[in-house]
Amino acid sequence: MRVDPSKLAGVKPKKKCCRSKPRCKRCPLVLSKVRKAELLGLRGKELEKVFKRARKS
């Protein structure tokens, strides 16, 4: 399943992070990092890179 990072800002995060590797797409940590990057003005490919990096951490 491919998720557009720009649409992730509206996704409701899970209650608790499961800390599995890679982190799931609805992980609170992943979504918070994507939201912060979006507020900083990142769009498109840059936002996708933030999403991938957040899932690896």
PDB file of N, CA and C in Angstrom:
ATOM      1  N   MET A   1       0.839  -1.179   0.000  1.00  0.00           N
ATOM      2  CA  MET A   1       0.000   0.000   0.000  1.00  0.00           C
ATOM      3  C   MET A   1       0.883   1.240   0.000  1.00  0.00           C
ATOM      4  N   ARG A   2       0.670   2.117  -0.967  1.00  0.00           N
ATOM      5  CA  ARG A   2       1.461   3.336  -1.067  1.00  0.00           C
ATOM      6  C   ARG A   2       0.655   4.491  -0.491  1.00  0.00           C
ATOM      7  N   VAL A   3       1.270   5.260   0.387  1.00  0.00           N
ATOM      8  CA  VAL A   3       0.592   6.383   1.022  1.00  0.00           C
ATOM      9  C   VAL A   3       1.282   7.672   0.614  1.00  0.00           C
ATOM     10  N   ASP A   4       0.495   8.652   0.185  1.00  0.00           N
ATOM     11  CA  ASP A   4       1.039   9.948  -0.185  1.00  0.00           C
ATOM     12  C   ASP A   4       1.364  10.716   1.098  1.00  0.00           C
ATOM     13  N   PRO A   5       2.623  11.087   1.321  1.00  0.00           N
ATOM     14  CA  PRO A   5       2.999  11.763   2.563  1.00  0.00           C
ATOM     15  C   PRO A   5       2.227  13.055   2.826  1.00  0.00           C
ATOM     16  N   SER A   6       1.814  13.763   1.780  1.00  0.00           N
ATOM     17  CA  SER A   6       1.063  14.999   1.989  1.00  0.00           C
ATOM     18  C   SER A   6      -0.308  14.724   2.593  1.00  0.00           C
ATOM     19  N   LYS A   7      -0.852  13.518   2.371  1.00  0.00           N
ATOM     20  CA  LYS A   7      -2.153  13.164   2.936  1.00  0.00           C
ATOM     21  C   LYS A   7      -2.020  12.598   4.348  1.00  0.00           C
ATOM     22  N   LEU A   8      -0.788  12.314   4.767  1.00  0.00           N
ATOM     23  CA  LEU A   8      -0.570  11.741   6.093  1.00  0.00           C
ATOM     24  C   LEU A   8      -0.855  12.734   7.212  1.00  0.00           C
ATOM     25  N   ALA A   9      -0.829  14.021   6.904  1.00  0.00           N
ATOM     26  CA  ALA A   9      -1.050  15.027   7.941  1.00  0.00           C
ATOM     27  C   ALA A   9      -2.440  14.902   8.546  1.00  0.00           C
ATOM     28  N   GLY A  10      -3.407  14.421   7.776  1.00  0.00           N
ATOM     29  CA  GLY A  10      -4.767  14.291   8.279  1.00  0.00           C
ATOM     30  C   GLY A  10      -5.083  12.940   8.885  1.00  0.00           C
ATOM     31  N   VAL A  11      -4.127  12.009   8.852  1.00  0.00           N
ATOM     32  CA  VAL A  11      -4.355  10.658   9.363  1.00  0.00           C
ATOM     33  C   VAL A  11      -4.301  10.664  10.888  1.00  0.00           C
ATOM     34  N   LYS A  12      -5.214   9.925  11.506  1.00  0.00           N
ATOM     35  CA  LYS A  12      -5.229   9.825  12.967  1.00  0.00           C
ATOM     36  C   LYS A  12      -4.180   8.804  13.406  1.00  0.00           C
ATOM     37  N   PRO A  13      -3.266   9.197  14.301  1.00  0.00           N
ATOM     38  CA  PRO A  13      -2.227   8.251  14.745  1.00  0.00           C
ATOM     39  C   PRO A  13      -2.783   7.161  15.652  1.00  0.00           C
ATOM     40  N   LYS A  14      -2.033   6.071  15.754  1.00  0.00           N
ATOM     41  CA  LYS A  14      -2.402   4.991  16.669  1.00  0.00           C
ATOM     42  C   LYS A  14      -2.236   5.488  18.103  1.00  0.00           C
ATOM     43  N   LYS A  15      -2.846   4.789  19.043  1.00  0.00           N
ATOM     44  CA  LYS A  15      -2.763   5.190  20.456  1.00  0.00           C
ATOM     45  C   LYS A  15      -1.332   5.082  20.982  1.00  0.00           C
ATOM     46  N   LYS A  16      -0.656   3.999  20.603  1.00  0.00           N
ATOM     47  CA  LYS A  16       0.671   3.738  21.139  1.00  0.00           C
ATOM     48  C   LYS A  16       1.582   3.203  20.038  1.00  0.00           C
ATOM     49  N   CYS A  17       2.840   3.585  20.097  1.00  0.00           N
ATOM     50  CA  CYS A  17       3.816   3.117  19.119  1.00  0.00           C
ATOM     51  C   CYS A  17       4.215   1.677  19.441  1.00  0.00           C
ATOM     52  N   CYS A  18       4.227   0.819  18.425  1.00  0.00           N
ATOM     53  CA  CYS A  18       4.598  -0.587  18.650  1.00  0.00           C
ATOM     54  C   CYS A  18       6.111  -0.795  18.550  1.00  0.00           C
ATOM     55  N   ARG A  19       6.839   0.213  18.052  1.00  0.00           N
ATOM     56  CA  ARG A  19       8.301   0.192  17.928  1.00  0.00           C
ATOM     57  C   ARG A  19       8.843  -0.950  17.071  1.00  0.00           C
ATOM     58  N   SER A  20       8.056  -1.423  16.128  1.00  0.00           N
ATOM     59  CA  SER A  20       8.561  -2.467  15.227  1.00  0.00           C
ATOM     60  C   SER A  20       9.402  -1.806  14.138  1.00  0.00           C
ATOM     61  N   LYS A  21      10.212  -2.585  13.464  1.00  0.00           N
ATOM     62  CA  LYS A  21      11.054  -2.066  12.378  1.00  0.00           C
ATOM     63  C   LYS A  21      10.581  -2.636  11.062  1.00  0.00           C
ATOM     64  N   PRO A  22      10.305  -1.872  10.035  1.00  0.00           N
ATOM     65  CA  PRO A  22      10.167  -0.412  10.072  1.00  0.00           C
ATOM     66  C   PRO A  22       8.894  -0.005  10.805  1.00  0.00           C
ATOM     67  N   ARG A  23       8.895   1.223  11.288  1.00  0.00           N
ATOM     68  CA  ARG A  23       7.714   1.700  12.009  1.00  0.00           C
ATOM     69  C   ARG A  23       6.524   1.753  11.058  1.00  0.00           C
ATOM     70  N   CYS A  24       5.335   1.512  11.599  1.00  0.00           N
ATOM     71  CA  CYS A  24       4.141   1.492  10.748  1.00  0.00           C
ATOM     72  C   CYS A  24       3.789   2.912  10.289  1.00  0.00           C
ATOM     73  N   LYS A  25       2.954   2.995   9.283  1.00  0.00           N
ATOM     74  CA  LYS A  25       2.621   4.284   8.677  1.00  0.00           C
ATOM     75  C   LYS A  25       1.774   5.170   9.573  1.00  0.00           C
ATOM     76  N   ARG A  26       1.064   4.568  10.515  1.00  0.00           N
ATOM     77  CA  ARG A  26       0.226   5.341  11.428  1.00  0.00           C
ATOM     78  C   ARG A  26       0.871   5.535  12.796  1.00  0.00           C
ATOM     79  N   CYS A  27       2.156   5.252  12.887  1.00  0.00           N
ATOM     80  CA  CYS A  27       2.889   5.417  14.141  1.00  0.00           C
ATOM     81  C   CYS A  27       2.888   6.900  14.543  1.00  0.00           C
ATOM     82  N   PRO A  28       2.635   7.216  15.820  1.00  0.00           N
ATOM     83  CA  PRO A  28       2.612   8.620  16.254  1.00  0.00           C
ATOM     84  C   PRO A  28       3.921   9.355  15.973  1.00  0.00           C
ATOM     85  N   LEU A  29       5.048   8.677  16.133  1.00  0.00           N
ATOM     86  CA  LEU A  29       6.340   9.306  15.885  1.00  0.00           C
ATOM     87  C   LEU A  29       6.500   9.671  14.406  1.00  0.00           C
ATOM     88  N   VAL A  30       6.144   8.753  13.523  1.00  0.00           N
ATOM     89  CA  VAL A  30       6.263   8.979  12.078  1.00  0.00           C
ATOM     90  C   VAL A  30       5.376  10.150  11.662  1.00  0.00           C
ATOM     91  N   LEU A  31       4.131  10.137  12.115  1.00  0.00           N
ATOM     92  CA  LEU A  31       3.201  11.196  11.728  1.00  0.00           C
ATOM     93  C   LEU A  31       3.616  12.553  12.272  1.00  0.00           C
ATOM     94  N   SER A  32       4.169  12.592  13.485  1.00  0.00           N
ATOM     95  CA  SER A  32       4.593  13.877  14.040  1.00  0.00           C
ATOM     96  C   SER A  32       5.768  14.447  13.257  1.00  0.00           C
ATOM     97  N   LYS A  33       6.695  13.587  12.839  1.00  0.00           N
ATOM     98  CA  LYS A  33       7.834  14.062  12.046  1.00  0.00           C
ATOM     99  C   LYS A  33       7.383  14.583  10.686  1.00  0.00           C
ATOM    100  N   VAL A  34       6.413  13.890  10.068  1.00  0.00           N
ATOM    101  CA  VAL A  34       5.899  14.323   8.767  1.00  0.00           C
ATOM    102  C   VAL A  34       5.158  15.651   8.917  1.00  0.00           C
ATOM    103  N   ARG A  35       4.372  15.795   9.975  1.00  0.00           N
ATOM    104  CA  ARG A  35       3.633  17.046  10.207  1.00  0.00           C
ATOM    105  C   ARG A  35       4.578  18.216  10.425  1.00  0.00           C
ATOM    106  N   LYS A  36       5.634  18.000  11.210  1.00  0.00           N
ATOM    107  CA  LYS A  36       6.613  19.062  11.462  1.00  0.00           C
ATOM    108  C   LYS A  36       7.290  19.488  10.163  1.00  0.00           C
ATOM    109  N   ALA A  37       7.651  18.506   9.342  1.00  0.00           N
ATOM    110  CA  ALA A  37       8.311  18.804   8.069  1.00  0.00           C
ATOM    111  C   ALA A  37       7.376  19.579   7.153  1.00  0.00           C
ATOM    112  N   GLU A  38       6.090  19.226   7.176  1.00  0.00           N
ATOM    113  CA  GLU A  38       5.117  19.912   6.334  1.00  0.00           C
ATOM    114  C   GLU A  38       4.931  21.355   6.795  1.00  0.00           C
ATOM    115  N   LEU A  39       4.950  21.573   8.100  1.00  0.00           N
ATOM    116  CA  LEU A  39       4.834  22.930   8.628  1.00  0.00           C
ATOM    117  C   LEU A  39       6.051  23.778   8.270  1.00  0.00           C
ATOM    118  N   LEU A  40       7.200  23.125   8.113  1.00  0.00           N
ATOM    119  CA  LEU A  40       8.413  23.834   7.702  1.00  0.00           C
ATOM    120  C   LEU A  40       8.403  24.172   6.216  1.00  0.00           C
ATOM    121  N   GLY A  41       7.420  23.650   5.488  1.00  0.00           N
ATOM    122  CA  GLY A  41       7.281  23.987   4.078  1.00  0.00           C
ATOM    123  C   GLY A  41       7.763  22.926   3.112  1.00  0.00           C
ATOM    124  N   LEU A  42       8.104  21.743   3.597  1.00  0.00           N
ATOM    125  CA  LEU A  42       8.547  20.678   2.696  1.00  0.00           C
ATOM    126  C   LEU A  42       7.356  20.102   1.944  1.00  0.00           C
ATOM    127  N   ARG A  43       7.540  19.823   0.673  1.00  0.00           N
ATOM    128  CA  ARG A  43       6.481  19.268  -0.167  1.00  0.00           C
ATOM    129  C   ARG A  43       7.075  18.194  -1.077  1.00  0.00           C
ATOM    130  N   GLY A  44       6.209  17.378  -1.613  1.00  0.00           N
ATOM    131  CA  GLY A  44       6.592  16.410  -2.642  1.00  0.00           C
ATOM    132  C   GLY A  44       7.657  15.425  -2.223  1.00  0.00           C
ATOM    133  N   LYS A  45       8.740  15.375  -3.023  1.00  0.00           N
ATOM    134  CA  LYS A  45       9.799  14.380  -2.815  1.00  0.00           C
ATOM    135  C   LYS A  45      10.510  14.566  -1.476  1.00  0.00           C
ATOM    136  N   GLU A  46      10.695  15.824  -1.051  1.00  0.00           N
ATOM    137  CA  GLU A  46      11.365  16.068   0.230  1.00  0.00           C
ATOM    138  C   GLU A  46      10.539  15.497   1.374  1.00  0.00           C
ATOM    139  N   LEU A  47       9.218  15.658   1.288  1.00  0.00           N
ATOM    140  CA  LEU A  47       8.328  15.141   2.325  1.00  0.00           C
ATOM    141  C   LEU A  47       8.339  13.614   2.328  1.00  0.00           C
ATOM    142  N   GLU A  48       8.446  13.035   1.148  1.00  0.00           N
ATOM    143  CA  GLU A  48       8.516  11.573   1.040  1.00  0.00           C
ATOM    144  C   GLU A  48       9.801  11.044   1.685  1.00  0.00           C
ATOM    145  N   LYS A  49      10.902  11.790   1.531  1.00  0.00           N
ATOM    146  CA  LYS A  49      12.172  11.396   2.144  1.00  0.00           C
ATOM    147  C   LYS A  49      12.075  11.445   3.666  1.00  0.00           C
ATOM    148  N   VAL A  50      11.401  12.474   4.187  1.00  0.00           N
ATOM    149  CA  VAL A  50      11.209  12.586   5.640  1.00  0.00           C
ATOM    150  C   VAL A  50      10.403  11.394   6.141  1.00  0.00           C
ATOM    151  N   PHE A  51       9.364  11.028   5.394  1.00  0.00           N
ATOM    152  CA  PHE A  51       8.505   9.902   5.755  1.00  0.00           C
ATOM    153  C   PHE A  51       9.308   8.604   5.805  1.00  0.00           C
ATOM    154  N   LYS A  52      10.123   8.363   4.785  1.00  0.00           N
ATOM    155  CA  LYS A  52      10.926   7.136   4.733  1.00  0.00           C
ATOM    156  C   LYS A  52      11.962   7.098   5.855  1.00  0.00           C
ATOM    157  N   ARG A  53      12.594   8.251   6.131  1.00  0.00           N
ATOM    158  CA  ARG A  53      13.592   8.329   7.192  1.00  0.00           C
ATOM    159  C   ARG A  53      12.958   8.094   8.564  1.00  0.00           C
ATOM    160  N   ALA A  54      11.760   8.635   8.755  1.00  0.00           N
ATOM    161  CA  ALA A  54      11.058   8.472  10.034  1.00  0.00           C
ATOM    162  C   ALA A  54      10.672   7.013  10.258  1.00  0.00           C
ATOM    163  N   ARG A  55      10.314   6.312   9.201  1.00  0.00           N
ATOM    164  CA  ARG A  55       9.944   4.899   9.347  1.00  0.00           C
ATOM    165  C   ARG A  55      11.170   4.043   9.644  1.00  0.00           C
ATOM    166  N   LYS A  56      12.346   4.448   9.179  1.00  0.00           N
ATOM    167  CA  LYS A  56      13.571   3.687   9.435  1.00  0.00           C
ATOM    168  C   LYS A  56      14.039   3.838  10.873  1.00  0.00           C
ATOM    169  N   SER A  57      13.774   5.005  11.468  1.00  0.00           N
ATOM    170  CA  SER A  57      14.294   5.280  12.823  1.00  0.00           C
ATOM    171  C   SER A  57      13.663   4.411  13.888  1.00  0.00           C
TER     172      SER A  57
END
